[in-house]
Amino acid sequence: MPNANEIMSGLTSVISAVDIYSSRIIESNPVNKILTSYDAFLGAVAQGKDGIRNYLPSEEINSLTDNINKPLENV
């Protein structure tokens, strides 16, 4: 099992990638920029699933990604 520093390092890498992507989005409407950034975040999570599986059981990964989508289901 990895230690907390290894897990945080992996999560920091994913967050950094999303920040870089969202800073490159050219969108004048702030709401659209947020939604596009959210899509980028979901894409990063989907791509990072395989790497994160090294640290968490797949049931926890699926629960995490399922919960990420819930806030926008009612929009």
PDB file of N, CA and C in Angstrom:
ATOM      1  N   MET A   1       0.857  -1.183   0.000  1.00  0.00           N
ATOM      2  CA  MET A   1       0.000   0.000   0.000  1.00  0.00           C
ATOM      3  C   MET A   1       0.898   1.239   0.000  1.00  0.00           C
ATOM      4  N   PRO A   2       0.616   2.200  -0.880  1.00  0.00           N
ATOM      5  CA  PRO A   2       1.433   3.412  -0.936  1.00  0.00           C
ATOM      6  C   PRO A   2       1.189   4.299   0.279  1.00  0.00           C
ATOM      7  N   ASN A   3       2.181   5.134   0.550  1.00  0.00           N
ATOM      8  CA  ASN A   3       2.000   6.052   1.671  1.00  0.00           C
ATOM      9  C   ASN A   3       1.249   7.303   1.216  1.00  0.00           C
ATOM     10  N   ALA A   4       0.911   8.141   2.164  1.00  0.00           N
ATOM     11  CA  ALA A   4       0.097   9.332   1.877  1.00  0.00           C
ATOM     12  C   ALA A   4       0.787  10.273   0.897  1.00  0.00           C
ATOM     13  N   ASN A   5       2.113  10.402   0.994  1.00  0.00           N
ATOM     14  CA  ASN A   5       2.836  11.294   0.083  1.00  0.00           C
ATOM     15  C   ASN A   5       2.739  10.817  -1.357  1.00  0.00           C
ATOM     16  N   GLU A   6       2.806   9.514  -1.580  1.00  0.00           N
ATOM     17  CA  GLU A   6       2.693   8.970  -2.937  1.00  0.00           C
ATOM     18  C   GLU A   6       1.294   9.206  -3.503  1.00  0.00           C
ATOM     19  N   ILE A   7       0.278   9.017  -2.682  1.00  0.00           N
ATOM     20  CA  ILE A   7      -1.100   9.245  -3.128  1.00  0.00           C
ATOM     21  C   ILE A   7      -1.307  10.723  -3.455  1.00  0.00           C
ATOM     22  N   MET A   8      -0.846  11.612  -2.577  1.00  0.00           N
ATOM     23  CA  MET A   8      -1.002  13.047  -2.817  1.00  0.00           C
ATOM     24  C   MET A   8      -0.247  13.484  -4.067  1.00  0.00           C
ATOM     25  N   SER A   9       0.903  12.898  -4.310  1.00  0.00           N
ATOM     26  CA  SER A   9       1.674  13.231  -5.506  1.00  0.00           C
ATOM     27  C   SER A   9       0.893  12.882  -6.768  1.00  0.00           C
ATOM     28  N   GLY A  10       0.257  11.715  -6.776  1.00  0.00           N
ATOM     29  CA  GLY A  10      -0.549  11.308  -7.920  1.00  0.00           C
ATOM     30  C   GLY A  10      -1.746  12.217  -8.131  1.00  0.00           C
ATOM     31  N   LEU A  11      -2.435  12.554  -7.054  1.00  0.00           N
ATOM     32  CA  LEU A  11      -3.597  13.441  -7.158  1.00  0.00           C
ATOM     33  C   LEU A  11      -3.184  14.846  -7.588  1.00  0.00           C
ATOM     34  N   THR A  12      -2.048  15.315  -7.084  1.00  0.00           N
ATOM     35  CA  THR A  12      -1.548  16.632  -7.471  1.00  0.00           C
ATOM     36  C   THR A  12      -1.251  16.683  -8.958  1.00  0.00           C
ATOM     37  N   SER A  13      -0.730  15.600  -9.509  1.00  0.00           N
ATOM     38  CA  SER A  13      -0.446  15.552 -10.945  1.00  0.00           C
ATOM     39  C   SER A  13      -1.722  15.682 -11.766  1.00  0.00           C
ATOM     40  N   VAL A  14      -2.775  14.999 -11.351  1.00  0.00           N
ATOM     41  CA  VAL A  14      -4.054  15.078 -12.066  1.00  0.00           C
ATOM     42  C   VAL A  14      -4.620  16.492 -11.976  1.00  0.00           C
ATOM     43  N   ILE A  15      -4.612  17.073 -10.792  1.00  0.00           N
ATOM     44  CA  ILE A  15      -5.144  18.426 -10.604  1.00  0.00           C
ATOM     45  C   ILE A  15      -4.348  19.433 -11.428  1.00  0.00           C
ATOM     46  N   SER A  16      -3.034  19.283 -11.451  1.00  0.00           N
ATOM     47  CA  SER A  16      -2.186  20.177 -12.229  1.00  0.00           C
ATOM     48  C   SER A  16      -2.517  20.104 -13.714  1.00  0.00           C
ATOM     49  N   ALA A  17      -2.738  18.897 -14.213  1.00  0.00           N
ATOM     50  CA  ALA A  17      -3.082  18.730 -15.627  1.00  0.00           C
ATOM     51  C   ALA A  17      -4.403  19.420 -15.953  1.00  0.00           C
ATOM     52  N   VAL A  18      -5.374  19.311 -15.066  1.00  0.00           N
ATOM     53  CA  VAL A  18      -6.670  19.969 -15.287  1.00  0.00           C
ATOM     54  C   VAL A  18      -6.509  21.486 -15.246  1.00  0.00           C
ATOM     55  N   ASP A  19      -5.710  21.999 -14.309  1.00  0.00           N
ATOM     56  CA  ASP A  19      -5.481  23.442 -14.228  1.00  0.00           C
ATOM     57  C   ASP A  19      -4.846  23.975 -15.504  1.00  0.00           C
ATOM     58  N   ILE A  20      -3.853  23.258 -16.018  1.00  0.00           N
ATOM     59  CA  ILE A  20      -3.186  23.680 -17.251  1.00  0.00           C
ATOM     60  C   ILE A  20      -4.181  23.684 -18.401  1.00  0.00           C
ATOM     61  N   TYR A  21      -4.977  22.633 -18.514  1.00  0.00           N
ATOM     62  CA  TYR A  21      -5.953  22.549 -19.597  1.00  0.00           C
ATOM     63  C   TYR A  21      -6.968  23.681 -19.494  1.00  0.00           C
ATOM     64  N   SER A  22      -7.508  23.899 -18.298  1.00  0.00           N
ATOM     65  CA  SER A  22      -8.554  24.914 -18.154  1.00  0.00           C
ATOM     66  C   SER A  22      -8.009  26.318 -18.390  1.00  0.00           C
ATOM     67  N   SER A  23      -6.729  26.555 -18.105  1.00  0.00           N
ATOM     68  CA  SER A  23      -6.162  27.882 -18.354  1.00  0.00           C
ATOM     69  C   SER A  23      -6.015  28.154 -19.843  1.00  0.00           C
ATOM     70  N   ARG A  24      -6.012  27.112 -20.661  1.00  0.00           N
ATOM     71  CA  ARG A  24      -5.874  27.272 -22.108  1.00  0.00           C
ATOM     72  C   ARG A  24      -7.220  27.391 -22.822  1.00  0.00           C
ATOM     73  N   ILE A  25      -8.299  27.275 -22.087  1.00  0.00           N
ATOM     74  CA  ILE A  25      -9.627  27.364 -22.695  1.00  0.00           C
ATOM     75  C   ILE A  25      -9.927  28.825 -23.009  1.00  0.00           C
ATOM     76  N   ILE A  26     -10.207  29.093 -24.269  1.00  0.00           N
ATOM     77  CA  ILE A  26     -10.564  30.448 -24.683  1.00  0.00           C
ATOM     78  C   ILE A  26     -12.087  30.495 -24.771  1.00  0.00           C
ATOM     79  N   GLU A  27     -12.673  31.076 -23.776  1.00  0.00           N
ATOM     80  CA  GLU A  27     -14.140  31.112 -23.686  1.00  0.00           C
ATOM     81  C   GLU A  27     -14.526  32.392 -22.970  1.00  0.00           C
ATOM     82  N   SER A  28     -15.302  33.234 -23.620  1.00  0.00           N
ATOM     83  CA  SER A  28     -15.676  34.509 -23.010  1.00  0.00           C
ATOM     84  C   SER A  28     -16.779  34.354 -21.965  1.00  0.00           C
ATOM     85  N   ASN A  29     -17.621  33.346 -22.119  1.00  0.00           N
ATOM     86  CA  ASN A  29     -18.710  33.121 -21.175  1.00  0.00           C
ATOM     87  C   ASN A  29     -18.180  32.317 -19.987  1.00  0.00           C
ATOM     88  N   PRO A  30     -18.181  32.903 -18.768  1.00  0.00           N
ATOM     89  CA  PRO A  30     -17.617  32.199 -17.610  1.00  0.00           C
ATOM     90  C   PRO A  30     -18.313  30.877 -17.297  1.00  0.00           C
ATOM     91  N   VAL A  31     -19.619  30.789 -17.525  1.00  0.00           N
ATOM     92  CA  VAL A  31     -20.338  29.541 -17.245  1.00  0.00           C
ATOM     93  C   VAL A  31     -19.853  28.445 -18.183  1.00  0.00           C
ATOM     94  N   ASN A  32     -19.714  28.776 -19.467  1.00  0.00           N
ATOM     95  CA  ASN A  32     -19.212  27.781 -20.421  1.00  0.00           C
ATOM     96  C   ASN A  32     -17.793  27.357 -20.088  1.00  0.00           C
ATOM     97  N   LYS A  33     -16.967  28.310 -19.612  1.00  0.00           N
ATOM     98  CA  LYS A  33     -15.593  27.963 -19.238  1.00  0.00           C
ATOM     99  C   LYS A  33     -15.593  26.983 -18.063  1.00  0.00           C
ATOM    100  N   ILE A  34     -16.463  27.214 -17.092  1.00  0.00           N
ATOM    101  CA  ILE A  34     -16.554  26.305 -15.939  1.00  0.00           C
ATOM    102  C   ILE A  34     -16.994  24.919 -16.399  1.00  0.00           C
ATOM    103  N   LEU A  35     -18.014  24.864 -17.256  1.00  0.00           N
ATOM    104  CA  LEU A  35     -18.500  23.567 -17.736  1.00  0.00           C
ATOM    105  C   LEU A  35     -17.438  22.849 -18.561  1.00  0.00           C
ATOM    106  N   THR A  36     -16.703  23.590 -19.383  1.00  0.00           N
ATOM    107  CA  THR A  36     -15.633  22.985 -20.174  1.00  0.00           C
ATOM    108  C   THR A  36     -14.527  22.486 -19.259  1.00  0.00           C
ATOM    109  N   SER A  37     -14.199  23.255 -18.214  1.00  0.00           N
ATOM    110  CA  SER A  37     -13.190  22.826 -17.245  1.00  0.00           C
ATOM    111  C   SER A  37     -13.648  21.569 -16.517  1.00  0.00           C
ATOM    112  N   TYR A  38     -14.941  21.508 -16.199  1.00  0.00           N
ATOM    113  CA  TYR A  38     -15.490  20.333 -15.527  1.00  0.00           C
ATOM    114  C   TYR A  38     -15.371  19.107 -16.426  1.00  0.00           C
ATOM    115  N   ASP A  39     -15.650  19.289 -17.722  1.00  0.00           N
ATOM    116  CA  ASP A  39     -15.477  18.187 -18.677  1.00  0.00           C
ATOM    117  C   ASP A  39     -14.021  17.742 -18.722  1.00  0.00           C
ATOM    118  N   ALA A  40     -13.107  18.706 -18.676  1.00  0.00           N
ATOM    119  CA  ALA A  40     -11.681  18.376 -18.678  1.00  0.00           C
ATOM    120  C   ALA A  40     -11.317  17.593 -17.419  1.00  0.00           C
ATOM    121  N   PHE A  41     -11.900  17.999 -16.284  1.00  0.00           N
ATOM    122  CA  PHE A  41     -11.649  17.295 -15.033  1.00  0.00           C
ATOM    123  C   PHE A  41     -12.125  15.852 -15.113  1.00  0.00           C
ATOM    124  N   LEU A  42     -13.341  15.664 -15.630  1.00  0.00           N
ATOM    125  CA  LEU A  42     -13.866  14.301 -15.759  1.00  0.00           C
ATOM    126  C   LEU A  42     -13.000  13.469 -16.695  1.00  0.00           C
ATOM    127  N   GLY A  43     -12.510  14.089 -17.760  1.00  0.00           N
ATOM    128  CA  GLY A  43     -11.619  13.381 -18.679  1.00  0.00           C
ATOM    129  C   GLY A  43     -10.328  12.973 -17.997  1.00  0.00           C
ATOM    130  N   ALA A  44      -9.778  13.873 -17.173  1.00  0.00           N
ATOM    131  CA  ALA A  44      -8.544  13.552 -16.456  1.00  0.00           C
ATOM    132  C   ALA A  44      -8.775  12.422 -15.461  1.00  0.00           C
ATOM    133  N   VAL A  45      -9.927  12.448 -14.790  1.00  0.00           N
ATOM    134  CA  VAL A  45     -10.245  11.366 -13.845  1.00  0.00           C
ATOM    135  C   VAL A  45     -10.379  10.047 -14.588  1.00  0.00           C
ATOM    136  N   ALA A  46     -11.057  10.071 -15.729  1.00  0.00           N
ATOM    137  CA  ALA A  46     -11.227   8.843 -16.510  1.00  0.00           C
ATOM    138  C   ALA A  46      -9.879   8.305 -16.963  1.00  0.00           C
ATOM    139  N   GLN A  47      -8.985   9.192 -17.411  1.00  0.00           N
ATOM    140  CA  GLN A  47      -7.668   8.749 -17.852  1.00  0.00           C
ATOM    141  C   GLN A  47      -6.814   8.287 -16.681  1.00  0.00           C
ATOM    142  N   GLY A  48      -7.035   8.907 -15.521  1.00  0.00           N
ATOM    143  CA  GLY A  48      -6.229   8.556 -14.359  1.00  0.00           C
ATOM    144  C   GLY A  48      -6.695   7.316 -13.617  1.00  0.00           C
ATOM    145  N   LYS A  49      -7.851   6.760 -14.002  1.00  0.00           N
ATOM    146  CA  LYS A  49      -8.383   5.596 -13.287  1.00  0.00           C
ATOM    147  C   LYS A  49      -7.368   4.461 -13.212  1.00  0.00           C
ATOM    148  N   ASP A  50      -6.720   4.164 -14.327  1.00  0.00           N
ATOM    149  CA  ASP A  50      -5.784   3.043 -14.335  1.00  0.00           C
ATOM    150  C   ASP A  50      -4.635   3.277 -13.370  1.00  0.00           C
ATOM    151  N   GLY A  51      -4.103   4.502 -13.346  1.00  0.00           N
ATOM    152  CA  GLY A  51      -3.022   4.798 -12.423  1.00  0.00           C
ATOM    153  C   GLY A  51      -3.474   4.792 -10.978  1.00  0.00           C
ATOM    154  N   ILE A  52      -4.680   5.306 -10.737  1.00  0.00           N
ATOM    155  CA  ILE A  52      -5.190   5.367  -9.367  1.00  0.00           C
ATOM    156  C   ILE A  52      -5.513   3.970  -8.849  1.00  0.00           C
ATOM    157  N   ARG A  53      -5.847   3.049  -9.737  1.00  0.00           N
ATOM    158  CA  ARG A  53      -6.157   1.674  -9.311  1.00  0.00           C
ATOM    159  C   ARG A  53      -4.992   1.036  -8.556  1.00  0.00           C
ATOM    160  N   ASN A  54      -3.780   1.543  -8.767  1.00  0.00           N
ATOM    161  CA  ASN A  54      -2.634   1.030  -8.018  1.00  0.00           C
ATOM    162  C   ASN A  54      -2.741   1.374  -6.540  1.00  0.00           C
ATOM    163  N   TYR A  55      -3.539   2.392  -6.215  1.00  0.00           N
ATOM    164  CA  TYR A  55      -3.624   2.867  -4.845  1.00  0.00           C
ATOM    165  C   TYR A  55      -4.930   2.534  -4.146  1.00  0.00           C
ATOM    166  N   LEU A  56      -6.009   2.403  -4.904  1.00  0.00           N
ATOM    167  CA  LEU A  56      -7.316   2.141  -4.304  1.00  0.00           C
ATOM    168  C   LEU A  56      -7.985   0.957  -4.989  1.00  0.00           C
ATOM    169  N   PRO A  57      -8.780   0.198  -4.260  1.00  0.00           N
ATOM    170  CA  PRO A  57      -9.551  -0.874  -4.901  1.00  0.00           C
ATOM    171  C   PRO A  57     -10.513  -0.293  -5.937  1.00  0.00           C
ATOM    172  N   SER A  58     -10.816  -1.055  -6.972  1.00  0.00           N
ATOM    173  CA  SER A  58     -11.642  -0.537  -8.068  1.00  0.00           C
ATOM    174  C   SER A  58     -13.036  -0.117  -7.605  1.00  0.00           C
ATOM    175  N   GLU A  59     -13.576  -0.742  -6.548  1.00  0.00           N
ATOM    176  CA  GLU A  59     -14.900  -0.343  -6.064  1.00  0.00           C
ATOM    177  C   GLU A  59     -14.870   1.109  -5.591  1.00  0.00           C
ATOM    178  N   GLU A  60     -13.779   1.496  -4.929  1.00  0.00           N
ATOM    179  CA  GLU A  60     -13.672   2.868  -4.443  1.00  0.00           C
ATOM    180  C   GLU A  60     -13.506   3.840  -5.604  1.00  0.00           C
ATOM    181  N   ILE A  61     -12.785   3.448  -6.635  1.00  0.00           N
ATOM    182  CA  ILE A  61     -12.610   4.293  -7.819  1.00  0.00           C
ATOM    183  C   ILE A  61     -13.956   4.521  -8.488  1.00  0.00           C
ATOM    184  N   ASN A  62     -14.717   3.452  -8.690  1.00  0.00           N
ATOM    185  CA  ASN A  62     -16.022   3.584  -9.342  1.00  0.00           C
ATOM    186  C   ASN A  62     -16.960   4.452  -8.511  1.00  0.00           C
ATOM    187  N   SER A  63     -16.924   4.296  -7.201  1.00  0.00           N
ATOM    188  CA  SER A  63     -17.758   5.110  -6.320  1.00  0.00           C
ATOM    189  C   SER A  63     -17.370   6.579  -6.436  1.00  0.00           C
ATOM    190  N   LEU A  64     -16.075   6.860  -6.477  1.00  0.00           N
ATOM    191  CA  LEU A  64     -15.590   8.232  -6.595  1.00  0.00           C
ATOM    192  C   LEU A  64     -16.059   8.864  -7.898  1.00  0.00           C
ATOM    193  N   THR A  65     -15.864   8.178  -9.007  1.00  0.00           N
ATOM    194  CA  THR A  65     -16.240   8.759 -10.298  1.00  0.00           C
ATOM    195  C   THR A  65     -17.754   8.844 -10.450  1.00  0.00           C
ATOM    196  N   ASP A  66     -18.500   7.922  -9.876  1.00  0.00           N
ATOM    197  CA  ASP A  66     -19.962   8.015  -9.913  1.00  0.00           C
ATOM    198  C   ASP A  66     -20.439   9.243  -9.138  1.00  0.00           C
ATOM    199  N   ASN A  67     -19.815   9.495  -7.991  1.00  0.00           N
ATOM    200  CA  ASN A  67     -20.212  10.631  -7.165  1.00  0.00           C
ATOM    201  C   ASN A  67     -19.839  11.959  -7.804  1.00  0.00           C
ATOM    202  N   ILE A  68     -18.798  11.990  -8.611  1.00  0.00           N
ATOM    203  CA  ILE A  68     -18.394  13.225  -9.281  1.00  0.00           C
ATOM    204  C   ILE A  68     -19.493  13.689 -10.221  1.00  0.00           C
ATOM    205  N   ASN A  69     -20.157  12.764 -10.888  1.00  0.00           N
ATOM    206  CA  ASN A  69     -21.181  13.119 -11.868  1.00  0.00           C
ATOM    207  C   ASN A  69     -22.508  13.544 -11.237  1.00  0.00           C
ATOM    208  N   LYS A  70     -22.771  13.187 -10.002  1.00  0.00           N
ATOM    209  CA  LYS A  70     -24.068  13.450  -9.379  1.00  0.00           C
ATOM    210  C   LYS A  70     -24.450  14.928  -9.304  1.00  0.00           C
ATOM    211  N   PRO A  71     -23.531  15.857  -8.963  1.00  0.00           N
ATOM    212  CA  PRO A  71     -23.970  17.252  -8.831  1.00  0.00           C
ATOM    213  C   PRO A  71     -24.570  17.839 -10.106  1.00  0.00           C
ATOM    214  N   LEU A  72     -24.141  17.402 -11.285  1.00  0.00           N
ATOM    215  CA  LEU A  72     -24.650  17.978 -12.527  1.00  0.00           C
ATOM    216  C   LEU A  72     -25.861  17.249 -13.085  1.00  0.00           C
ATOM    217  N   GLU A  73     -26.234  16.123 -12.505  1.00  0.00           N
ATOM    218  CA  GLU A  73     -27.362  15.367 -13.033  1.00  0.00           C
ATOM    219  C   GLU A  73     -28.671  16.135 -12.902  1.00  0.00           C
ATOM    220  N   ASN A  74     -28.763  17.006 -11.913  1.00  0.00           N
ATOM    221  CA  ASN A  74     -30.002  17.748 -11.681  1.00  0.00           C
ATOM    222  C   ASN A  74     -30.018  19.107 -12.363  1.00  0.00           C
ATOM    223  N   VAL A  75     -28.971  19.430 -13.117  1.00  0.00           N
ATOM    224  CA  VAL A  75     -28.890  20.749 -13.767  1.00  0.00           C
ATOM    225  C   VAL A  75     -29.727  20.751 -15.018  1.00  0.00           C
TER     226      VAL A  75
END
